[in-house]
Amino acid sequence: MKPGKWRKSSRSGGSGGSCVEARLNAGGPEVRDSKLGDDSPILSLNRSDFLALLDSVR
């Protein structure tokens, strides 16, 4: 399965500030720092951890 397209957080401004991107991969959700692009480390999460992360940042 090919990984999904990276999606930028709706809370990220257009000025290049603190930005987070997420995508769905075969193994589950992945998160990275969009400022680093392809050089960013990718954090792989399971579904429940990803939902907990979303809850904690809201």
Protein backbone atom coordinates (compact mmCIF):
# COMPACT_ATOMS: atom_id res chain seq x y z
CA MET A 1 0.00 0.00 0.00
CA LYS A 2 1.32 3.41 -0.97
CA PRO A 3 1.36 5.99 1.87
CA GLY A 4 -1.27 8.72 1.70
CA LYS A 5 -0.56 12.35 0.92
CA TRP A 6 0.79 14.52 3.75
CA ARG A 7 -1.89 16.85 5.14
CA LYS A 8 -0.93 20.04 6.94
CA SER A 9 -2.66 20.98 10.19
CA SER A 10 -5.52 23.46 9.72
CA ARG A 11 -4.04 25.35 12.70
CA SER A 12 -0.80 25.99 10.81
CA GLY A 13 -0.50 29.51 9.53
CA GLY A 14 0.75 30.45 6.09
CA SER A 15 3.84 32.13 7.53
CA GLY A 16 5.78 28.87 7.98
CA GLY A 17 5.43 28.76 11.76
CA SER A 18 4.94 25.63 13.85
CA CYS A 19 3.53 23.18 11.32
CA VAL A 20 2.64 19.53 11.65
CA GLU A 21 1.67 17.16 8.86
CA ALA A 22 -0.01 13.77 9.08
CA ARG A 23 -0.79 10.95 6.68
CA LEU A 24 -2.20 7.45 6.78
CA ASN A 25 0.22 4.66 5.96
CA ALA A 26 -0.37 0.91 5.84
CA GLY A 27 1.00 0.61 9.39
CA GLY A 28 -1.16 3.45 10.75
CA PRO A 29 -0.99 7.23 11.08
CA GLU A 30 2.31 9.07 10.69
CA VAL A 31 3.25 12.60 11.81
CA ARG A 32 6.15 14.86 10.81
CA ASP A 33 7.40 18.45 11.08
CA SER A 34 6.50 20.14 7.79
CA LYS A 35 9.25 22.74 8.17
CA LEU A 36 11.82 19.97 7.65
CA GLY A 37 9.92 18.32 4.78
CA ASP A 38 11.50 15.11 3.55
CA ASP A 39 14.33 15.54 6.09
CA SER A 40 11.90 15.35 9.02
CA PRO A 41 11.84 12.28 11.21
CA ILE A 42 8.50 10.48 10.86
CA LEU A 43 6.64 9.47 14.01
CA SER A 44 4.62 6.30 13.39
CA LEU A 45 1.65 5.82 15.71
CA ASN A 46 -1.09 3.31 16.22
CA ARG A 47 -4.67 4.54 15.86
CA SER A 48 -5.39 4.92 19.58
CA ASP A 49 -2.16 6.85 20.22
CA PHE A 50 -2.89 9.16 17.28
CA LEU A 51 -6.39 9.88 18.61
CA ALA A 52 -4.93 10.55 22.08
CA LEU A 53 -2.43 12.97 20.50
CA LEU A 54 -5.27 14.81 18.76
CA ASP A 55 -7.26 15.00 22.00
CA SER A 56 -4.30 16.37 23.92
CA VAL A 57 -3.60 19.20 21.45
CA ARG A 58 -7.20 20.37 21.22
